[in-house]
């Protein structure tokens, strides 16, 4: 699982690539938890994500749990229609705020008090 990171207005933006599946889920959890600082605001850019399986969904939920324990927040951006269906069916969408663009997600982070 490849990820590219950048900071936009003090918000950590992680750009995920292609697949979040069995092969990359553990790496995703490890890398994200290593990057996550207490109180960190994080946006996961899912624009290029084309496949997610139950391991990937579990990794997303584990990241959300870690964020909660860390007094951090994770938001999703640019979720494709196909990925949105998966999030809806599995009800994972209830755990995350989802935004149409990274910019909207970052703006919501700036407005939010942790």
PDB file of N, CA and C in Angstrom:
ATOM      1  N   UNK A   1       0.849  -1.184   0.000  1.00  0.00           N
ATOM      2  CA  UNK A   1       0.000   0.000   0.000  1.00  0.00           C
ATOM      3  C   UNK A   1       0.877   1.225   0.000  1.00  0.00           C
ATOM      4  N   UNK A   2       0.831   1.948  -1.076  1.00  0.00           N
ATOM      5  CA  UNK A   2       1.573   3.199  -1.164  1.00  0.00           C
ATOM      6  C   UNK A   2       0.702   4.346  -0.692  1.00  0.00           C
ATOM      7  N   UNK A   3       1.334   5.272   0.015  1.00  0.00           N
ATOM      8  CA  UNK A   3       0.651   6.493   0.429  1.00  0.00           C
ATOM      9  C   UNK A   3       1.626   7.648   0.268  1.00  0.00           C
ATOM     10  N   UNK A   4       1.082   8.763  -0.123  1.00  0.00           N
ATOM     11  CA  UNK A   4       1.864   9.987  -0.196  1.00  0.00           C
ATOM     12  C   UNK A   4       1.260  10.941   0.817  1.00  0.00           C
ATOM     13  N   UNK A   5       2.108  11.586   1.595  1.00  0.00           N
ATOM     14  CA  UNK A   5       1.643  12.486   2.648  1.00  0.00           C
ATOM     15  C   UNK A   5       2.030  13.924   2.336  1.00  0.00           C
ATOM     16  N   UNK A   6       1.173  14.833   2.758  1.00  0.00           N
ATOM     17  CA  UNK A   6       1.479  16.256   2.698  1.00  0.00           C
ATOM     18  C   UNK A   6       0.657  16.957   3.775  1.00  0.00           C
ATOM     19  N   UNK A   7       1.123  18.129   4.168  1.00  0.00           N
ATOM     20  CA  UNK A   7       0.360  18.951   5.100  1.00  0.00           C
ATOM     21  C   UNK A   7      -0.275  20.092   4.333  1.00  0.00           C
ATOM     22  N   UNK A   8      -1.562  20.275   4.565  1.00  0.00           N
ATOM     23  CA  UNK A   8      -2.298  21.403   4.014  1.00  0.00           C
ATOM     24  C   UNK A   8      -2.944  22.107   5.201  1.00  0.00           C
ATOM     25  N   UNK A   9      -2.532  23.326   5.462  1.00  0.00           N
ATOM     26  CA  UNK A   9      -3.063  24.097   6.599  1.00  0.00           C
ATOM     27  C   UNK A   9      -3.012  23.302   7.906  1.00  0.00           C
ATOM     28  N   UNK A  10      -1.879  22.681   8.189  1.00  0.00           N
ATOM     29  CA  UNK A  10      -1.660  21.903   9.405  1.00  0.00           C
ATOM     30  C   UNK A  10      -2.539  20.657   9.515  1.00  0.00           C
ATOM     31  N   UNK A  11      -3.082  20.212   8.399  1.00  0.00           N
ATOM     32  CA  UNK A  11      -3.860  18.977   8.354  1.00  0.00           C
ATOM     33  C   UNK A  11      -3.047  17.973   7.541  1.00  0.00           C
ATOM     34  N   UNK A  12      -2.844  16.784   8.109  1.00  0.00           N
ATOM     35  CA  UNK A  12      -2.108  15.736   7.400  1.00  0.00           C
ATOM     36  C   UNK A  12      -3.031  15.104   6.367  1.00  0.00           C
ATOM     37  N   UNK A  13      -2.642  15.191   5.105  1.00  0.00           N
ATOM     38  CA  UNK A  13      -3.419  14.593   4.025  1.00  0.00           C
ATOM     39  C   UNK A  13      -2.653  13.380   3.522  1.00  0.00           C
ATOM     40  N   UNK A  14      -3.302  12.222   3.568  1.00  0.00           N
ATOM     41  CA  UNK A  14      -2.712  10.976   3.086  1.00  0.00           C
ATOM     42  C   UNK A  14      -3.427  10.592   1.796  1.00  0.00           C
ATOM     43  N   UNK A  15      -2.684  10.524   0.719  1.00  0.00           N
ATOM     44  CA  UNK A  15      -3.225  10.148  -0.587  1.00  0.00           C
ATOM     45  C   UNK A  15      -2.997   8.652  -0.765  1.00  0.00           C
ATOM     46  N   UNK A  16      -4.067   7.873  -0.732  1.00  0.00           N
ATOM     47  CA  UNK A  16      -3.959   6.425  -0.882  1.00  0.00           C
ATOM     48  C   UNK A  16      -3.913   6.063  -2.360  1.00  0.00           C
ATOM     49  N   UNK A  17      -3.273   4.955  -2.665  1.00  0.00           N
ATOM     50  CA  UNK A  17      -3.091   4.523  -4.044  1.00  0.00           C
ATOM     51  C   UNK A  17      -3.788   3.190  -4.298  1.00  0.00           C
ATOM     52  N   UNK A  18      -4.594   3.116  -5.268  1.00  0.00           N
ATOM     53  CA  UNK A  18      -5.171   1.924  -5.892  1.00  0.00           C
ATOM     54  C   UNK A  18      -5.902   0.933  -4.979  1.00  0.00           C
ATOM     55  N   UNK A  19      -5.185   0.197  -4.135  1.00  0.00           N
ATOM     56  CA  UNK A  19      -5.790  -0.902  -3.401  1.00  0.00           C
ATOM     57  C   UNK A  19      -5.571  -0.771  -1.897  1.00  0.00           C
ATOM     58  N   UNK A  20      -6.615  -1.061  -1.151  1.00  0.00           N
ATOM     59  CA  UNK A  20      -6.498  -1.222   0.294  1.00  0.00           C
ATOM     60  C   UNK A  20      -7.083  -2.595   0.576  1.00  0.00           C
ATOM     61  N   UNK A  21      -6.225  -3.599   0.448  1.00  0.00           N
ATOM     62  CA  UNK A  21      -6.675  -4.977   0.558  1.00  0.00           C
ATOM     63  C   UNK A  21      -5.753  -5.769   1.474  1.00  0.00           C
ATOM     64  N   UNK A  22      -5.932  -7.059   1.462  1.00  0.00           N
ATOM     65  CA  UNK A  22      -5.174  -7.934   2.356  1.00  0.00           C
ATOM     66  C   UNK A  22      -3.672  -7.671   2.286  1.00  0.00           C
ATOM     67  N   UNK A  23      -3.158  -7.419   1.094  1.00  0.00           N
ATOM     68  CA  UNK A  23      -1.723  -7.221   0.925  1.00  0.00           C
ATOM     69  C   UNK A  23      -1.216  -5.915   1.531  1.00  0.00           C
ATOM     70  N   UNK A  24      -2.059  -4.907   1.611  1.00  0.00           N
ATOM     71  CA  UNK A  24      -1.589  -3.613   2.075  1.00  0.00           C
ATOM     72  C   UNK A  24      -2.188  -3.097   3.365  1.00  0.00           C
ATOM     73  N   UNK A  25      -3.172  -3.805   3.896  1.00  0.00           N
ATOM     74  CA  UNK A  25      -3.900  -3.291   5.061  1.00  0.00           C
ATOM     75  C   UNK A  25      -3.009  -3.127   6.292  1.00  0.00           C
ATOM     76  N   UNK A  26      -2.178  -4.102   6.576  1.00  0.00           N
ATOM     77  CA  UNK A  26      -1.312  -4.010   7.753  1.00  0.00           C
ATOM     78  C   UNK A  26      -0.315  -2.868   7.606  1.00  0.00           C
ATOM     79  N   UNK A  27       0.231  -2.723   6.416  1.00  0.00           N
ATOM     80  CA  UNK A  27       1.167  -1.631   6.153  1.00  0.00           C
ATOM     81  C   UNK A  27       0.469  -0.282   6.315  1.00  0.00           C
ATOM     82  N   UNK A  28      -0.754  -0.175   5.802  1.00  0.00           N
ATOM     83  CA  UNK A  28      -1.532   1.057   5.945  1.00  0.00           C
ATOM     84  C   UNK A  28      -1.704   1.409   7.417  1.00  0.00           C
ATOM     85  N   UNK A  29      -2.137   0.429   8.223  1.00  0.00           N
ATOM     86  CA  UNK A  29      -2.344   0.689   9.656  1.00  0.00           C
ATOM     87  C   UNK A  29      -1.036   1.118  10.323  1.00  0.00           C
ATOM     88  N   UNK A  30       0.039   0.434  10.008  1.00  0.00           N
ATOM     89  CA  UNK A  30       1.322   0.735  10.632  1.00  0.00           C
ATOM     90  C   UNK A  30       1.807   2.136  10.249  1.00  0.00           C
ATOM     91  N   UNK A  31       1.822   2.424   8.966  1.00  0.00           N
ATOM     92  CA  UNK A  31       2.338   3.715   8.495  1.00  0.00           C
ATOM     93  C   UNK A  31       1.487   4.861   9.032  1.00  0.00           C
ATOM     94  N   UNK A  32       0.177   4.716   8.966  1.00  0.00           N
ATOM     95  CA  UNK A  32      -0.690   5.792   9.441  1.00  0.00           C
ATOM     96  C   UNK A  32      -0.544   5.985  10.948  1.00  0.00           C
ATOM     97  N   UNK A  33      -0.460   4.896  11.707  1.00  0.00           N
ATOM     98  CA  UNK A  33      -0.322   5.054  13.156  1.00  0.00           C
ATOM     99  C   UNK A  33       1.032   5.665  13.527  1.00  0.00           C
ATOM    100  N   UNK A  34       2.069   5.380  12.739  1.00  0.00           N
ATOM    101  CA  UNK A  34       3.379   5.984  12.983  1.00  0.00           C
ATOM    102  C   UNK A  34       3.378   7.482  12.676  1.00  0.00           C
ATOM    103  N   UNK A  35       2.600   7.886  11.682  1.00  0.00           N
ATOM    104  CA  UNK A  35       2.543   9.303  11.300  1.00  0.00           C
ATOM    105  C   UNK A  35       1.616  10.115  12.193  1.00  0.00           C
ATOM    106  N   UNK A  36       0.640   9.443  12.810  1.00  0.00           N
ATOM    107  CA  UNK A  36      -0.390  10.136  13.579  1.00  0.00           C
ATOM    108  C   UNK A  36       0.169  10.640  14.912  1.00  0.00           C
ATOM    109  N   UNK A  37       0.110  11.948  15.085  1.00  0.00           N
ATOM    110  CA  UNK A  37       0.510  12.564  16.351  1.00  0.00           C
ATOM    111  C   UNK A  37      -0.746  12.808  17.183  1.00  0.00           C
ATOM    112  N   UNK A  38      -0.602  12.874  18.506  1.00  0.00           N
ATOM    113  CA  UNK A  38      -1.771  13.186  19.337  1.00  0.00           C
ATOM    114  C   UNK A  38      -2.413  14.505  18.882  1.00  0.00           C
ATOM    115  N   UNK A  39      -3.726  14.483  18.747  1.00  0.00           N
ATOM    116  CA  UNK A  39      -4.464  15.673  18.332  1.00  0.00           C
ATOM    117  C   UNK A  39      -4.396  15.966  16.849  1.00  0.00           C
ATOM    118  N   UNK A  40      -3.810  15.073  16.072  1.00  0.00           N
ATOM    119  CA  UNK A  40      -3.630  15.285  14.621  1.00  0.00           C
ATOM    120  C   UNK A  40      -4.975  15.241  13.889  1.00  0.00           C
ATOM    121  N   UNK A  41      -5.099  16.109  12.927  1.00  0.00           N
ATOM    122  CA  UNK A  41      -6.252  16.098  12.034  1.00  0.00           C
ATOM    123  C   UNK A  41      -5.773  15.512  10.713  1.00  0.00           C
ATOM    124  N   UNK A  42      -6.479  14.472  10.248  1.00  0.00           N
ATOM    125  CA  UNK A  42      -6.034  13.712   9.082  1.00  0.00           C
ATOM    126  C   UNK A  42      -7.165  13.609   8.074  1.00  0.00           C
ATOM    127  N   UNK A  43      -6.813  13.793   6.811  1.00  0.00           N
ATOM    128  CA  UNK A  43      -7.741  13.579   5.709  1.00  0.00           C
ATOM    129  C   UNK A  43      -7.161  12.460   4.852  1.00  0.00           C
ATOM    130  N   UNK A  44      -7.972  11.431   4.610  1.00  0.00           N
ATOM    131  CA  UNK A  44      -7.577  10.353   3.715  1.00  0.00           C
ATOM    132  C   UNK A  44      -8.186  10.641   2.342  1.00  0.00           C
ATOM    133  N   UNK A  45      -7.336  10.891   1.369  1.00  0.00           N
ATOM    134  CA  UNK A  45      -7.768  11.145  -0.003  1.00  0.00           C
ATOM    135  C   UNK A  45      -7.900   9.797  -0.701  1.00  0.00           C
ATOM    136  N   UNK A  46      -9.137   9.404  -1.001  1.00  0.00           N
ATOM    137  CA  UNK A  46      -9.399   8.092  -1.591  1.00  0.00           C
ATOM    138  C   UNK A  46      -9.656   8.161  -3.091  1.00  0.00           C
ATOM    139  N   UNK A  47      -9.286   9.263  -3.729  1.00  0.00           N
ATOM    140  CA  UNK A  47      -9.572   9.437  -5.152  1.00  0.00           C
ATOM    141  C   UNK A  47      -9.038   8.286  -6.001  1.00  0.00           C
ATOM    142  N   UNK A  48      -7.838   7.802  -5.718  1.00  0.00           N
ATOM    143  CA  UNK A  48      -7.227   6.762  -6.542  1.00  0.00           C
ATOM    144  C   UNK A  48      -7.503   5.355  -6.038  1.00  0.00           C
ATOM    145  N   UNK A  49      -8.246   5.242  -4.950  1.00  0.00           N
ATOM    146  CA  UNK A  49      -8.549   3.921  -4.394  1.00  0.00           C
ATOM    147  C   UNK A  49      -9.623   3.255  -5.250  1.00  0.00           C
ATOM    148  N   UNK A  50      -9.295   2.105  -5.830  1.00  0.00           N
ATOM    149  CA  UNK A  50     -10.237   1.408  -6.707  1.00  0.00           C
ATOM    150  C   UNK A  50     -10.731   0.098  -6.113  1.00  0.00           C
ATOM    151  N   UNK A  51     -10.075  -0.383  -5.063  1.00  0.00           N
ATOM    152  CA  UNK A  51     -10.496  -1.650  -4.479  1.00  0.00           C
ATOM    153  C   UNK A  51     -10.216  -1.644  -2.984  1.00  0.00           C
ATOM    154  N   UNK A  52     -11.200  -2.099  -2.242  1.00  0.00           N
ATOM    155  CA  UNK A  52     -11.042  -2.272  -0.800  1.00  0.00           C
ATOM    156  C   UNK A  52     -11.738  -3.571  -0.430  1.00  0.00           C
ATOM    157  N   UNK A  53     -11.109  -4.366   0.416  1.00  0.00           N
ATOM    158  CA  UNK A  53     -11.732  -5.602   0.869  1.00  0.00           C
ATOM    159  C   UNK A  53     -11.951  -5.526   2.376  1.00  0.00           C
ATOM    160  N   UNK A  54     -12.343  -6.653   2.974  1.00  0.00           N
ATOM    161  CA  UNK A  54     -12.637  -6.627   4.408  1.00  0.00           C
ATOM    162  C   UNK A  54     -11.397  -6.291   5.241  1.00  0.00           C
ATOM    163  N   UNK A  55     -10.205  -6.645   4.758  1.00  0.00           N
ATOM    164  CA  UNK A  55      -8.982  -6.281   5.471  1.00  0.00           C
ATOM    165  C   UNK A  55      -8.763  -4.764   5.414  1.00  0.00           C
ATOM    166  N   UNK A  56      -9.065  -4.177   4.272  1.00  0.00           N
ATOM    167  CA  UNK A  56      -8.948  -2.731   4.125  1.00  0.00           C
ATOM    168  C   UNK A  56      -9.964  -1.994   4.977  1.00  0.00           C
ATOM    169  N   UNK A  57     -11.195  -2.518   5.004  1.00  0.00           N
ATOM    170  CA  UNK A  57     -12.218  -1.911   5.853  1.00  0.00           C
ATOM    171  C   UNK A  57     -11.819  -2.005   7.322  1.00  0.00           C
ATOM    172  N   UNK A  58     -11.281  -3.148   7.710  1.00  0.00           N
ATOM    173  CA  UNK A  58     -10.805  -3.323   9.086  1.00  0.00           C
ATOM    174  C   UNK A  58      -9.685  -2.329   9.386  1.00  0.00           C
ATOM    175  N   UNK A  59      -8.797  -2.115   8.419  1.00  0.00           N
ATOM    176  CA  UNK A  59      -7.690  -1.165   8.609  1.00  0.00           C
ATOM    177  C   UNK A  59      -8.225   0.253   8.793  1.00  0.00           C
ATOM    178  N   UNK A  60      -9.245   0.626   8.016  1.00  0.00           N
ATOM    179  CA  UNK A  60      -9.859   1.952   8.188  1.00  0.00           C
ATOM    180  C   UNK A  60     -10.457   2.096   9.582  1.00  0.00           C
ATOM    181  N   UNK A  61     -11.156   1.065  10.033  1.00  0.00           N
ATOM    182  CA  UNK A  61     -11.764   1.111  11.364  1.00  0.00           C
ATOM    183  C   UNK A  61     -10.701   1.139  12.460  1.00  0.00           C
ATOM    184  N   UNK A  62      -9.612   0.403  12.260  1.00  0.00           N
ATOM    185  CA  UNK A  62      -8.515   0.431  13.238  1.00  0.00           C
ATOM    186  C   UNK A  62      -7.887   1.816  13.296  1.00  0.00           C
ATOM    187  N   UNK A  63      -7.756   2.470  12.137  1.00  0.00           N
ATOM    188  CA  UNK A  63      -7.216   3.834  12.113  1.00  0.00           C
ATOM    189  C   UNK A  63      -8.146   4.788  12.843  1.00  0.00           C
ATOM    190  N   UNK A  64      -9.456   4.612  12.655  1.00  0.00           N
ATOM    191  CA  UNK A  64     -10.429   5.456  13.356  1.00  0.00           C
ATOM    192  C   UNK A  64     -10.336   5.245  14.863  1.00  0.00           C
ATOM    193  N   UNK A  65     -10.163   4.001  15.288  1.00  0.00           N
ATOM    194  CA  UNK A  65     -10.028   3.700  16.719  1.00  0.00           C
ATOM    195  C   UNK A  65      -8.764   4.330  17.284  1.00  0.00           C
ATOM    196  N   UNK A  66      -7.664   4.213  16.555  1.00  0.00           N
ATOM    197  CA  UNK A  66      -6.393   4.808  16.980  1.00  0.00           C
ATOM    198  C   UNK A  66      -6.538   6.331  17.092  1.00  0.00           C
ATOM    199  N   UNK A  67      -7.225   6.926  16.121  1.00  0.00           N
ATOM    200  CA  UNK A  67      -7.443   8.374  16.158  1.00  0.00           C
ATOM    201  C   UNK A  67      -8.252   8.763  17.394  1.00  0.00           C
ATOM    202  N   UNK A  68      -9.264   7.997  17.698  1.00  0.00           N
ATOM    203  CA  UNK A  68     -10.090   8.274  18.876  1.00  0.00           C
ATOM    204  C   UNK A  68      -9.248   8.202  20.153  1.00  0.00           C
ATOM    205  N   UNK A  69      -8.420   7.180  20.252  1.00  0.00           N
ATOM    206  CA  UNK A  69      -7.544   7.027  21.411  1.00  0.00           C
ATOM    207  C   UNK A  69      -6.501   8.134  21.492  1.00  0.00           C
ATOM    208  N   UNK A  70      -6.155   8.689  20.346  1.00  0.00           N
ATOM    209  CA  UNK A  70      -5.100   9.695  20.227  1.00  0.00           C
ATOM    210  C   UNK A  70      -5.641  11.123  20.264  1.00  0.00           C
ATOM    211  N   UNK A  71      -6.949  11.261  20.478  1.00  0.00           N
ATOM    212  CA  UNK A  71      -7.606  12.565  20.419  1.00  0.00           C
ATOM    213  C   UNK A  71      -7.380  13.225  19.057  1.00  0.00           C
ATOM    214  N   UNK A  72      -7.371  12.402  18.025  1.00  0.00           N
ATOM    215  CA  UNK A  72      -7.201  12.871  16.655  1.00  0.00           C
ATOM    216  C   UNK A  72      -8.518  12.677  15.907  1.00  0.00           C
ATOM    217  N   UNK A  73      -8.520  13.087  14.654  1.00  0.00           N
ATOM    218  CA  UNK A  73      -9.710  12.912  13.832  1.00  0.00           C
ATOM    219  C   UNK A  73      -9.267  12.515  12.428  1.00  0.00           C
ATOM    220  N   UNK A  74     -10.031  11.619  11.815  1.00  0.00           N
ATOM    221  CA  UNK A  74      -9.774  11.205  10.431  1.00  0.00           C
ATOM    222  C   UNK A  74     -11.043  11.446   9.628  1.00  0.00           C
ATOM    223  N   UNK A  75     -10.864  12.101   8.490  1.00  0.00           N
ATOM    224  CA  UNK A  75     -11.979  12.350   7.575  1.00  0.00           C
ATOM    225  C   UNK A  75     -11.609  11.787   6.209  1.00  0.00           C
ATOM    226  N   UNK A  76     -12.618  11.412   5.442  1.00  0.00           N
ATOM    227  CA  UNK A  76     -12.402  10.864   4.108  1.00  0.00           C
ATOM    228  C   UNK A  76     -12.780  11.888   3.053  1.00  0.00           C
ATOM    229  N   UNK A  77     -12.038  11.869   1.945  1.00  0.00           N
ATOM    230  CA  UNK A  77     -12.328  12.789   0.843  1.00  0.00           C
ATOM    231  C   UNK A  77     -12.212  12.057  -0.490  1.00  0.00           C
ATOM    232  N   UNK A  78     -12.955  12.554  -1.461  1.00  0.00           N
ATOM    233  CA  UNK A  78     -12.924  12.055  -2.840  1.00  0.00           C
ATOM    234  C   UNK A  78     -13.214  10.558  -2.932  1.00  0.00           C
ATOM    235  N   UNK A  79     -14.238  10.128  -2.236  1.00  0.00           N
ATOM    236  CA  UNK A  79     -14.635   8.728  -2.260  1.00  0.00           C
ATOM    237  C   UNK A  79     -15.418   8.482  -3.556  1.00  0.00           C
ATOM    238  N   UNK A  80     -14.954   7.526  -4.351  1.00  0.00           N
ATOM    239  CA  UNK A  80     -15.625   7.232  -5.617  1.00  0.00           C
ATOM    240  C   UNK A  80     -17.002   6.624  -5.355  1.00  0.00           C
ATOM    241  N   UNK A  81     -17.831   6.610  -6.372  1.00  0.00           N
ATOM    242  CA  UNK A  81     -19.172   6.038  -6.243  1.00  0.00           C
ATOM    243  C   UNK A  81     -19.102   4.560  -5.847  1.00  0.00           C
ATOM    244  N   UNK A  82     -18.177   3.821  -6.446  1.00  0.00           N
ATOM    245  CA  UNK A  82     -18.033   2.398  -6.110  1.00  0.00           C
ATOM    246  C   UNK A  82     -17.596   2.201  -4.665  1.00  0.00           C
ATOM    247  N   UNK A  83     -16.643   3.011  -4.223  1.00  0.00           N
ATOM    248  CA  UNK A  83     -16.175   2.896  -2.839  1.00  0.00           C
ATOM    249  C   UNK A  83     -17.270   3.332  -1.868  1.00  0.00           C
ATOM    250  N   UNK A  84     -18.054   4.321  -2.267  1.00  0.00           N
ATOM    251  CA  UNK A  84     -19.157   4.792  -1.413  1.00  0.00           C
ATOM    252  C   UNK A  84     -20.182   3.680  -1.191  1.00  0.00           C
ATOM    253  N   UNK A  85     -20.432   2.898  -2.232  1.00  0.00           N
ATOM    254  CA  UNK A  85     -21.361   1.771  -2.100  1.00  0.00           C
ATOM    255  C   UNK A  85     -20.841   0.778  -1.065  1.00  0.00           C
ATOM    256  N   UNK A  86     -19.558   0.471  -1.145  1.00  0.00           N
ATOM    257  CA  UNK A  86     -18.951  -0.462  -0.177  1.00  0.00           C
ATOM    258  C   UNK A  86     -19.059   0.112   1.234  1.00  0.00           C
ATOM    259  N   UNK A  87     -18.750   1.387   1.399  1.00  0.00           N
ATOM    260  CA  UNK A  87     -18.839   2.013   2.724  1.00  0.00           C
ATOM    261  C   UNK A  87     -20.278   2.034   3.232  1.00  0.00           C
ATOM    262  N   UNK A  88     -21.238   2.233   2.318  1.00  0.00           N
ATOM    263  CA  UNK A  88     -22.645   2.235   2.705  1.00  0.00           C
ATOM    264  C   UNK A  88     -23.123   0.841   3.120  1.00  0.00           C
ATOM    265  N   UNK A  89     -22.796  -0.159   2.309  1.00  0.00           N
ATOM    266  CA  UNK A  89     -23.239  -1.526   2.598  1.00  0.00           C
ATOM    267  C   UNK A  89     -22.673  -2.016   3.929  1.00  0.00           C
ATOM    268  N   UNK A  90     -21.420  -1.704   4.183  1.00  0.00           N
ATOM    269  CA  UNK A  90     -20.763  -2.163   5.411  1.00  0.00           C
ATOM    270  C   UNK A  90     -20.994  -1.222   6.591  1.00  0.00           C
ATOM    271  N   UNK A  91     -21.616  -0.106   6.319  1.00  0.00           N
ATOM    272  CA  UNK A  91     -21.917   0.919   7.318  1.00  0.00           C
ATOM    273  C   UNK A  91     -20.678   1.566   7.925  1.00  0.00           C
ATOM    274  N   UNK A  92     -19.556   1.424   7.264  1.00  0.00           N
ATOM    275  CA  UNK A  92     -18.330   2.077   7.713  1.00  0.00           C
ATOM    276  C   UNK A  92     -18.475   3.595   7.603  1.00  0.00           C
ATOM    277  N   UNK A  93     -19.331   4.051   6.706  1.00  0.00           N
ATOM    278  CA  UNK A  93     -19.545   5.486   6.529  1.00  0.00           C
ATOM    279  C   UNK A  93     -19.977   6.171   7.814  1.00  0.00           C
ATOM    280  N   UNK A  94     -20.568   5.433   8.742  1.00  0.00           N
ATOM    281  CA  UNK A  94     -21.033   6.041   9.997  1.00  0.00           C
ATOM    282  C   UNK A  94     -19.888   6.477  10.896  1.00  0.00           C
ATOM    283  N   UNK A  95     -18.700   5.936  10.665  1.00  0.00           N
ATOM    284  CA  UNK A  95     -17.538   6.226  11.501  1.00  0.00           C
ATOM    285  C   UNK A  95     -16.818   7.490  11.030  1.00  0.00           C
ATOM    286  N   UNK A  96     -16.949   7.820   9.756  1.00  0.00           N
ATOM    287  CA  UNK A  96     -16.187   8.908   9.159  1.00  0.00           C
ATOM    288  C   UNK A  96     -17.091   9.985   8.565  1.00  0.00           C
ATOM    289  N   UNK A  97     -16.601  11.219   8.628  1.00  0.00           N
ATOM    290  CA  UNK A  97     -17.206  12.275   7.833  1.00  0.00           C
ATOM    291  C   UNK A  97     -16.601  12.147   6.440  1.00  0.00           C
ATOM    292  N   UNK A  98     -17.437  12.270   5.413  1.00  0.00           N
ATOM    293  CA  UNK A  98     -16.982  12.100   4.034  1.00  0.00           C
ATOM    294  C   UNK A  98     -17.241  13.391   3.275  1.00  0.00           C
ATOM    295  N   UNK A  99     -16.222  13.844   2.550  1.00  0.00           N
ATOM    296  CA  UNK A  99     -16.294  15.105   1.803  1.00  0.00           C
ATOM    297  C   UNK A  99     -16.007  14.870   0.330  1.00  0.00           C
ATOM    298  N   UNK A 100     -16.562  15.710  -0.507  1.00  0.00           N
ATOM    299  CA  UNK A 100     -16.383  15.586  -1.955  1.00  0.00           C
ATOM    300  C   UNK A 100     -14.962  15.915  -2.378  1.00  0.00           C
ATOM    301  N   UNK A 101     -14.317  16.841  -1.675  1.00  0.00           N
ATOM    302  CA  UNK A 101     -12.962  17.249  -2.042  1.00  0.00           C
ATOM    303  C   UNK A 101     -12.063  17.276  -0.814  1.00  0.00           C
ATOM    304  N   UNK A 102     -10.776  17.208  -1.069  1.00  0.00           N
ATOM    305  CA  UNK A 102      -9.792  17.330   0.009  1.00  0.00           C
ATOM    306  C   UNK A 102      -9.900  18.711   0.638  1.00  0.00           C
ATOM    307  N   UNK A 103     -10.086  19.715  -0.181  1.00  0.00           N
ATOM    308  CA  UNK A 103     -10.177  21.092   0.313  1.00  0.00           C
ATOM    309  C   UNK A 103     -11.333  21.260   1.301  1.00  0.00           C
ATOM    310  N   UNK A 104     -12.496  20.652   0.996  1.00  0.00           N
ATOM    311  CA  UNK A 104     -13.637  20.732   1.915  1.00  0.00           C
ATOM    312  C   UNK A 104     -13.330  20.022   3.229  1.00  0.00           C
ATOM    313  N   UNK A 105     -12.675  18.875   3.151  1.00  0.00           N
ATOM    314  CA  UNK A 105     -12.324  18.130   4.356  1.00  0.00           C
ATOM    315  C   UNK A 105     -11.334  18.911   5.215  1.00  0.00           C
ATOM    316  N   UNK A 106     -10.330  19.515   4.568  1.00  0.00           N
ATOM    317  CA  UNK A 106      -9.345  20.323   5.290  1.00  0.00           C
ATOM    318  C   UNK A 106     -10.032  21.520   5.941  1.00  0.00           C
ATOM    319  N   UNK A 107     -10.924  22.167   5.220  1.00  0.00           N
ATOM    320  CA  UNK A 107     -11.646  23.315   5.767  1.00  0.00           C
ATOM    321  C   UNK A 107     -12.469  22.910   6.988  1.00  0.00           C
ATOM    322  N   UNK A 108     -13.079  21.735   6.946  1.00  0.00           N
ATOM    323  CA  UNK A 108     -13.870  21.285   8.094  1.00  0.00           C
ATOM    324  C   UNK A 108     -12.970  20.992   9.288  1.00  0.00           C
ATOM    325  N   UNK A 109     -11.748  20.538   9.032  1.00  0.00           N
ATOM    326  CA  UNK A 109     -10.781  20.302  10.114  1.00  0.00           C
ATOM    327  C   UNK A 109     -10.385  21.615  10.787  1.00  0.00           C
ATOM    328  N   UNK A 110     -10.205  22.658   9.984  1.00  0.00           N
ATOM    329  CA  UNK A 110      -9.826  23.962  10.541  1.00  0.00           C
ATOM    330  C   UNK A 110     -10.919  24.500  11.448  1.00  0.00           C
ATOM    331  N   UNK A 111     -12.180  24.219  11.123  1.00  0.00           N
ATOM    332  CA  UNK A 111     -13.300  24.731  11.890  1.00  0.00           C
ATOM    333  C   UNK A 111     -13.551  23.921  13.154  1.00  0.00           C
ATOM    334  N   UNK A 112     -13.078  22.689  13.194  1.00  0.00           N
ATOM    335  CA  UNK A 112     -13.367  21.772  14.279  1.00  0.00           C
ATOM    336  C   UNK A 112     -12.400  21.950  15.449  1.00  0.00           C
ATOM    337  N   UNK A 113     -12.932  21.927  16.628  1.00  0.00           N
ATOM    338  CA  UNK A 113     -12.134  21.968  17.847  1.00  0.00           C
ATOM    339  C   UNK A 113     -12.063  20.556  18.397  1.00  0.00           C
ATOM    340  N   UNK A 114     -10.862  20.096  18.719  1.00  0.00           N
ATOM    341  CA  UNK A 114     -10.707  18.750  19.317  1.00  0.00           C
ATOM    342  C   UNK A 114     -10.702  18.847  20.815  1.00  0.00           C
TER     343      UNK A 114
END
